[in-house]
Protein backbone atom coordinates (compact mmCIF):
# COMPACT_ATOMS: atom_id res chain seq x y z
CA MET A 1 86.36 126.68 70.56
CA LYS A 2 87.66 123.28 69.52
CA LYS A 3 89.94 123.07 72.61
CA ARG A 4 87.01 124.02 74.85
CA ILE A 5 84.87 121.19 73.43
CA ILE A 6 87.67 118.65 73.97
CA ALA A 7 88.11 119.77 77.57
CA ILE A 8 84.40 119.48 78.31
CA SER A 9 84.38 115.99 76.76
CA LEU A 10 87.31 114.89 78.94
CA ILE A 11 85.59 116.13 82.10
CA ALA A 12 82.37 114.33 81.20
CA ALA A 13 84.20 111.06 80.50
CA ALA A 14 86.15 111.29 83.73
CA SER A 15 82.98 111.66 85.79
CA VAL A 16 81.78 108.29 84.49
CA PHE A 17 84.83 106.53 85.98
CA GLY A 18 84.71 108.21 89.41
CA VAL A 19 87.56 110.67 88.82
CA SER A 20 87.64 114.38 88.22
CA LEU A 21 90.04 116.62 86.31
CA PHE A 22 91.64 119.86 87.34
CA ALA A 23 93.95 122.16 85.39
CA VAL A 24 97.57 122.52 86.45
CA ASN A 25 99.80 124.76 84.31
CA ASN A 26 97.24 124.50 81.50
CA ARG A 27 97.39 120.67 81.65
CA TYR A 28 94.63 118.39 82.89
CA SER A 29 95.37 116.09 85.86
CA TYR A 30 93.27 113.41 87.55
CA ASN A 31 91.77 113.86 91.00
CA TYR A 32 90.90 110.29 92.04
CA THR A 33 88.34 109.23 94.64
CA TYR A 34 91.18 108.24 97.01
CA THR A 35 94.20 110.43 97.61
CA LEU A 36 97.74 109.33 98.35
CA SER A 37 97.15 110.26 101.97
CA ASP A 38 94.12 107.94 102.01
CA ALA A 39 96.18 105.11 100.51
CA LYS A 40 98.88 105.52 103.16
CA ASP A 41 96.29 105.47 105.92
CA ILE A 42 94.82 102.27 104.47
CA VAL A 43 98.18 100.48 104.24
CA PHE A 44 99.72 101.54 107.54
CA GLY A 45 96.38 101.02 109.25
CA SER A 46 96.25 97.45 107.95
CA LEU A 47 99.66 96.82 109.55
CA GLY A 48 98.81 98.62 112.77
CA ILE A 49 101.84 100.92 112.52
CA ASP A 50 102.52 104.63 112.07
CA GLU A 51 103.99 105.99 108.85
CA ALA A 52 106.64 107.75 110.93
CA ASP A 53 108.01 104.37 112.03
CA ALA A 54 108.67 103.29 108.42
CA TYR A 55 111.74 104.30 106.43
CA LYS A 56 113.12 104.15 102.88
CA LYS A 57 109.65 105.24 101.79
CA GLN A 58 108.73 105.59 98.12
CA PHE A 59 105.20 106.54 97.05
CA LYS A 60 103.89 107.14 93.54
CA LEU A 61 100.74 107.04 91.44
CA ASP A 62 100.86 104.84 88.36
CA ASP A 63 98.02 103.74 86.09
CA GLY A 64 95.26 104.33 88.62
CA LYS A 65 97.11 102.69 91.53
CA TYR A 66 99.14 104.07 94.39
CA GLU A 67 102.41 102.18 94.78
CA LEU A 68 103.80 102.32 98.30
CA GLU A 69 107.19 100.85 99.14
CA PHE A 70 108.84 101.10 102.53
CA VAL A 71 110.86 99.27 105.17
CA TYR A 72 109.58 98.62 108.67
CA ASN A 73 111.52 96.75 111.34
CA GLY A 74 113.87 95.29 108.74
CA VAL A 75 111.10 94.02 106.45
CA GLU A 76 110.64 95.46 102.95
CA TYR A 77 106.99 96.01 102.01
CA GLU A 78 105.42 96.75 98.65
CA TYR A 79 101.74 97.67 98.37
CA GLU A 80 99.42 98.77 95.60
CA VAL A 81 96.13 100.53 96.40
CA SER A 82 93.43 101.30 93.84
CA ALA A 83 92.93 105.05 93.49
CA TYR A 84 89.31 104.39 92.53
CA THR A 85 88.13 101.92 95.19
CA GLY A 86 90.70 102.21 97.98
CA GLU A 87 91.26 98.44 97.89
CA ILE A 88 94.68 96.93 98.50
CA VAL A 89 95.31 95.06 95.24
CA LYS A 90 98.85 93.86 95.86
CA VAL A 91 100.92 93.00 98.91
CA GLU A 92 104.51 91.77 98.95
CA ASN A 93 107.09 91.61 101.69
CA ASP A 94 110.64 90.38 101.83
CA TYR A 95 110.54 88.25 104.97
CA ASP A 96 112.65 85.12 104.84
CA ARG A 97 113.89 83.21 107.90
CA VAL A 98 115.10 79.78 108.99
CA VAL A 99 113.77 78.75 112.38
CA TYR A 100 114.38 75.91 114.77
CA ASN A 101 112.61 75.14 118.02
CA HIS A 102 114.57 74.42 121.15
CA GLY A 103 113.21 72.88 124.32
CA GLN A 104 113.64 74.33 127.78
CA ASN A 105 116.95 72.48 128.14
CA GLY A 106 118.38 74.17 125.04
CA LYS A 107 118.38 70.95 122.98
CA THR A 108 116.83 70.82 119.55
CA THR A 109 113.43 69.13 119.54
CA MET A 110 111.69 68.10 116.38
CA ILE A 111 108.23 66.60 116.18
CA SER A 112 107.67 63.35 114.28
CA LEU A 113 105.69 62.95 111.08
CA ASP A 114 102.97 61.13 113.03
CA THR A 115 102.67 64.07 115.41
CA ALA A 116 102.47 66.49 112.46
CA LYS A 117 99.69 64.43 110.88
CA LYS A 118 97.81 64.29 114.18
CA THR A 119 98.07 68.08 114.46
CA VAL A 120 96.45 68.47 111.05
CA PHE A 121 93.73 65.88 111.48
CA ASP A 122 92.86 67.11 114.98
CA SER A 123 92.46 70.64 113.60
CA LEU A 124 89.84 69.28 111.19
CA GLY A 125 88.25 66.92 113.69
CA ILE A 126 88.82 63.84 111.52
CA ALA A 127 90.80 60.61 111.73
CA GLU A 128 93.65 59.66 109.37
CA SER A 129 91.72 56.52 108.44
CA ASP A 130 88.97 58.73 106.99
CA THR A 131 91.35 60.38 104.51
CA VAL A 132 93.25 59.45 101.37
CA LEU A 133 96.84 60.53 101.97
CA THR A 134 98.71 61.65 98.87
CA LYS A 135 101.86 63.24 100.28
CA CYS A 136 103.69 63.09 103.61
CA GLU A 137 107.27 64.32 103.59
CA PHE A 138 109.77 66.54 105.37
CA ASP A 139 111.21 69.45 103.40
CA ASP A 140 113.09 72.55 104.48
CA GLY A 141 112.02 72.43 108.13
CA LYS A 142 108.38 71.64 107.41
CA TYR A 143 106.21 68.57 107.03
CA GLU A 144 104.14 68.70 103.84
CA ILE A 145 100.89 66.78 104.24
CA GLU A 146 98.39 66.45 101.41
CA PHE A 147 95.25 64.34 101.34
CA TYR A 148 91.66 63.98 100.16
CA TYR A 149 88.68 63.97 102.49
CA ASN A 150 84.97 64.23 101.76
CA ASN A 151 85.48 65.18 98.13
CA THR A 152 87.94 67.94 99.07
CA GLU A 153 91.69 68.20 98.46
CA TYR A 154 93.74 69.49 101.43
CA ASP A 155 97.30 70.83 101.44
CA TYR A 156 98.97 71.47 104.82
CA GLU A 157 102.42 72.37 106.09
CA VAL A 158 103.44 71.90 109.72
CA GLY A 159 106.61 73.37 111.24
CA ALA A 160 108.82 70.46 112.20
CA TYR A 161 110.26 72.38 115.14
CA SER A 162 107.37 74.61 116.22
CA GLY A 163 104.67 71.99 115.64
CA SER A 164 102.40 74.73 114.31
CA ILE A 165 100.36 74.65 111.11
CA VAL A 166 102.04 77.18 108.81
CA LYS A 167 99.97 76.56 105.69
CA SER A 168 96.48 75.24 105.05
CA GLU A 169 94.65 75.12 101.74
CA LYS A 170 91.68 73.18 100.45
CA LYS A 171 90.01 72.76 97.08
CA GLN A 172 86.62 71.25 96.37
CA ASN A 173 86.49 68.51 93.72
CA ASN A 174 83.36 68.10 91.63
CA VAL A 175 83.81 64.37 91.27
CA ALA A 176 82.82 61.23 93.10
CA THR A 177 84.70 60.12 96.21
CA ALA A 178 88.13 58.70 95.40
CA ILE A 179 89.02 55.09 96.04
CA THR A 180 91.59 54.61 98.77
CA LEU A 181 95.28 54.01 98.21
CA ASP A 182 94.92 50.48 99.61
CA GLU A 183 92.16 49.76 97.08
CA ALA A 184 94.32 51.10 94.25
CA LYS A 185 97.24 48.90 95.32
CA GLN A 186 94.98 45.88 95.53
CA ILE A 187 93.76 46.50 91.97
CA VAL A 188 97.37 46.50 90.74
CA PHE A 189 98.54 43.49 92.75
CA ASP A 190 95.49 41.47 91.72
CA LYS A 191 96.29 42.33 88.11
CA ILE A 192 99.73 40.67 88.24
CA GLY A 193 98.81 38.02 90.80
CA VAL A 194 101.00 39.01 93.76
CA THR A 195 100.51 40.23 97.31
CA GLU A 196 101.91 43.44 98.76
CA SER A 197 104.19 41.45 101.07
CA GLN A 198 105.94 39.98 98.00
CA VAL A 199 106.93 43.32 96.46
CA VAL A 200 109.24 46.22 97.34
CA LEU A 201 107.18 49.40 97.10
CA THR A 202 109.07 52.47 95.92
CA LYS A 203 106.28 54.97 95.29
CA CYS A 204 102.63 55.26 96.32
CA GLU A 205 101.01 58.66 95.92
CA LEU A 206 97.99 60.45 94.51
CA ASP A 207 98.80 63.04 91.87
CA ASP A 208 96.41 64.84 89.54
CA GLY A 209 93.56 62.37 90.06
CA LYS A 210 95.71 59.25 89.66
CA TYR A 211 97.45 56.90 92.06
CA GLU A 212 101.07 56.36 91.04
CA ILE A 213 102.23 52.96 92.27
CA GLU A 214 105.78 51.79 91.63
CA PHE A 215 107.48 48.69 93.00
CA TYR A 216 109.97 45.89 92.39
CA TYR A 217 108.98 42.24 92.12
CA ASN A 218 110.94 39.22 90.93
CA ASN A 219 113.81 41.29 89.51
CA THR A 220 111.38 43.52 87.59
CA GLU A 221 110.48 47.19 88.07
CA TYR A 222 106.75 48.01 87.73
CA ASP A 223 105.15 51.42 87.18
CA TYR A 224 101.35 51.69 87.41
CA GLU A 225 98.77 54.46 87.47
CA VAL A 226 95.21 53.91 88.68
CA GLY A 227 92.39 56.43 88.23
CA ALA A 228 91.49 57.65 91.71
CA TYR A 229 87.82 58.01 90.84
CA THR A 230 87.33 55.33 88.16
CA GLY A 231 89.46 52.59 89.73
CA SER A 232 90.78 51.77 86.24
CA ILE A 233 94.43 51.08 85.41
CA VAL A 234 95.44 53.92 83.07
CA LYS A 235 99.15 53.08 82.82
CA SER A 236 101.18 49.91 83.23
CA GLU A 237 104.88 49.56 82.51
CA LYS A 238 107.54 47.10 83.57
CA LYS A 239 111.28 46.88 83.13
CA GLN A 240 113.56 43.89 83.72
CA ASN A 241 116.57 44.47 85.95
CA ASN A 242 119.69 42.37 85.57
CA VAL A 243 120.50 42.59 89.26
CA ALA A 244 119.75 40.67 92.38
CA THR A 245 116.49 41.11 94.28
CA ALA A 246 116.27 44.42 96.15
CA ILE A 247 116.55 44.53 99.92
CA THR A 248 113.55 45.84 101.85
CA LEU A 249 113.25 49.32 103.31
CA ASP A 250 113.35 47.88 106.84
CA LYS A 251 116.61 46.11 105.99
CA ALA A 252 118.08 49.36 104.63
CA LYS A 253 117.11 51.22 107.79
CA ARG A 254 118.70 48.54 109.97
CA ILE A 255 121.93 48.85 107.98
CA VAL A 256 122.03 52.59 108.67
CA PHE A 257 121.03 52.46 112.33
CA ASP A 258 123.48 49.64 113.03
CA LYS A 259 126.18 51.76 111.43
CA ILE A 260 125.78 54.59 113.95
CA GLY A 261 124.71 52.36 116.83
CA VAL A 262 121.14 53.53 117.46
CA ALA A 263 117.67 52.02 117.39
CA GLU A 264 114.91 53.32 115.12
CA SER A 265 112.89 54.25 118.21
CA GLN A 266 115.63 56.72 119.19
CA VAL A 267 115.51 58.79 116.00
CA VAL A 268 113.01 61.07 114.26
CA LEU A 269 112.61 59.84 110.69
CA THR A 270 112.01 62.56 108.11
CA LYS A 271 112.39 60.65 104.84
CA CYS A 272 112.37 56.98 103.86
CA GLU A 273 111.91 56.15 100.19
CA LEU A 274 113.37 54.20 97.28
CA ASP A 275 114.50 56.39 94.41
CA ASP A 276 116.53 55.41 91.38
CA GLY A 277 117.80 52.17 92.91
CA LYS A 278 118.73 53.69 96.27
CA TYR A 279 116.97 54.05 99.60
CA ASP A 280 117.02 57.66 100.81
CA ILE A 281 116.92 57.66 104.61
CA GLU A 282 116.96 60.94 106.51
CA PHE A 283 116.49 61.46 110.23
CA THR A 284 117.57 63.48 113.25
CA TYR A 285 119.23 62.07 116.35
CA ASN A 286 120.96 63.68 119.30
CA ASN A 287 120.85 67.19 117.85
CA THR A 288 122.24 66.00 114.49
CA LYS A 289 120.61 65.62 111.08
CA TYR A 290 121.63 62.50 109.11
CA ASP A 291 121.24 61.85 105.38
CA TYR A 292 121.99 58.32 104.13
CA GLU A 293 121.59 56.44 100.86
CA VAL A 294 121.70 52.65 100.71
CA GLY A 295 121.96 50.68 97.47
CA ALA A 296 118.68 48.81 97.07
CA TYR A 297 120.43 45.81 95.51
CA SER A 298 123.92 45.91 97.00
CA GLY A 299 122.87 46.80 100.55
CA GLN A 300 125.90 49.12 100.68
CA ILE A 301 125.85 52.61 102.15
CA VAL A 302 126.61 54.86 99.17
CA LYS A 303 126.11 58.21 100.89
CA ALA A 304 126.51 59.29 104.51
CA GLU A 305 126.19 62.89 105.64
CA SER A 306 125.54 64.48 109.01
CA LYS A 307 125.05 68.06 110.17
CA GLN A 308 124.83 69.35 113.71
CA LEU A 309 121.65 71.36 114.17
CA TYR A 310 122.75 73.41 117.14
CA THR A 311 126.20 74.22 118.51
CA ALA A 312 126.59 76.53 121.46
CA PRO A 313 129.53 78.92 121.34
CA THR A 314 132.44 78.45 123.73
CA THR A 315 134.60 80.79 125.75
CA THR A 316 138.06 81.50 124.33
CA THR A 317 141.21 82.59 126.15
CA THR A 318 144.03 84.53 124.47
CA THR A 319 147.49 84.95 126.09
CA THR A 320 150.10 87.50 124.96
CA THR A 321 153.76 87.58 126.09
CA LYS A 322 154.69 91.27 125.99
CA PRO A 323 153.63 92.28 128.53
CA THR A 324 152.30 89.05 130.02
CA THR A 325 148.51 89.34 130.08
CA THR A 326 145.60 86.96 129.74
CA THR A 327 142.42 88.14 128.01
CA THR A 328 139.24 86.11 128.33
CA THR A 329 136.41 86.64 125.85
CA SER A 330 133.11 85.41 127.28
CA PHE A 331 130.31 84.49 124.92
CA ILE A 332 126.75 84.59 126.19
CA THR A 333 124.58 81.48 126.29
CA LEU A 334 121.27 80.93 124.51
CA ASP A 335 119.40 81.54 127.77
CA GLU A 336 121.21 84.85 128.22
CA ALA A 337 120.42 85.87 124.63
CA LYS A 338 116.75 85.10 125.19
CA GLN A 339 116.75 87.13 128.40
CA ILE A 340 118.23 90.12 126.55
CA VAL A 341 115.44 89.98 123.96
CA PHE A 342 112.56 89.49 126.39
CA ASP A 343 113.90 92.19 128.71
CA SER A 344 114.03 94.63 125.78
CA LEU A 345 110.29 94.10 125.30
CA GLY A 346 109.44 94.02 128.98
CA ILE A 347 107.93 90.53 128.79
CA THR A 348 108.77 87.02 129.94
CA GLU A 349 109.34 83.94 127.81
CA SER A 350 106.23 82.31 129.27
CA GLN A 351 104.09 85.05 127.71
CA THR A 352 105.23 84.08 124.21
CA TYR A 353 104.40 81.10 122.00
CA ASP A 354 105.70 79.31 118.89
CA ARG A 355 109.20 79.97 120.14
CA ASP A 356 112.01 79.13 117.70
CA TYR A 357 115.71 79.45 118.49
CA GLU A 358 118.92 78.74 116.60
CA TYR A 359 122.63 79.50 116.87
CA ASP A 360 124.25 80.22 113.51
CA ASP A 361 127.52 81.85 112.47
CA GLY A 362 128.22 83.79 115.64
CA LYS A 363 124.70 84.88 116.46
CA TYR A 364 121.54 83.62 118.11
CA GLU A 365 118.38 83.74 115.99
CA ILE A 366 115.38 84.10 118.29
CA SER A 367 111.84 84.03 116.93
CA PHE A 368 108.50 83.92 118.70
CA LYS A 369 104.95 85.21 118.68
CA TYR A 370 103.47 87.61 121.21
CA ASN A 371 100.27 89.63 121.28
CA ASN A 372 99.36 88.86 117.62
CA PHE A 373 102.80 89.76 116.28
CA GLU A 374 105.70 87.63 115.03
CA TYR A 375 109.12 88.72 116.29
CA ASP A 376 112.51 87.89 114.79
CA TYR A 377 115.71 88.82 116.64
CA GLU A 378 119.40 88.27 116.07
CA VAL A 379 121.70 88.59 119.07
CA SER A 380 125.48 88.45 118.77
CA VAL A 381 127.43 86.12 121.04
CA PHE A 382 128.71 89.28 122.75
CA GLY A 383 125.18 90.16 123.90
CA LYS A 384 124.20 92.86 121.39
CA ILE A 385 120.90 92.86 119.43
CA ILE A 386 122.05 93.22 115.81
CA ASP A 387 118.77 92.73 113.93
CA PHE A 388 115.08 92.91 114.74
CA ASP A 389 111.93 92.25 112.69
CA LYS A 390 108.29 92.47 113.73
CA GLU A 391 105.35 91.38 111.58
CA TYR A 392 101.63 91.28 112.23
CA ASP A 393 100.40 87.68 112.55
CA ASP A 394 97.12 87.50 110.69
């Protein structure tokens, strides 16, 4: 009788939470609102694929959630679906790629920071002059652009090679409109009685509601913080330097460009800043990425690195003497690799967009978007497709 009462109590409690119990081998099991079959339909339906096309599948029920793990087109997916509500509560996928965009002539083309900013501001229908820029820098193939506008904080990333917006976030601030960066600088320069033209700026950015303004003047390093909404100086530090006056950023750039024999108008600048007594100057020119450091006080180049962004493979010829034969190994070109990929899908390159191509370590990496999907291919220099990924572009 006692066991019967316990069982009835369990069934009553389960009905409150939208589950039922049934006996299996004299043990009570849960029968949730959504079955495993339902969960699979929800997940695969959200991706627009069939379960039969996935592999390395693992499904299990744990703590009221269905955990579904599988691989599809080379991408590992991990989902969790509530057994009570049918909602997808977790999504993860292992999809990591490095992409570069190549023009019709096969040369690497990279947009400038100004073009990236224009892309962002045009998407919002505003002008740069209406915003308060807090971050503009190139990092890992993307331009990171952060700013304030109309009491809202924006965070964007633009592909430096595709020119597409790859990230956009915004956060409302419940505070008054921030003062501009120019106003914050003027507050600082008025405080010490100098003009901006007399100093060497090393840092100007908005971080956590404060403008951080650092510069050199008269052999002294200054570090200020100004409240972005109060306009008050909240930090002021200075440090005497026993060195000569620093050269300007323009002077440092001229030193670098003169070194390699180019004009600034010929390059795409990705980074120009003073950090720890050195100017960091990074840019791309003629299919090559350059990374230089110039001593801010010595004017000497203290670091010089370059890396070719794209190198087409060449044809090799091997000759043997017994018997006398000549074997020629022909490598395909980028255009031929692209044709192989597009032919495999039955489409033309002109039907795709956001096209990104790169040659790396004996293979062509070909990425593009078509019909609401992102495609990633790897083609060997011998003309064989060796890897393929496809992901829904939401």
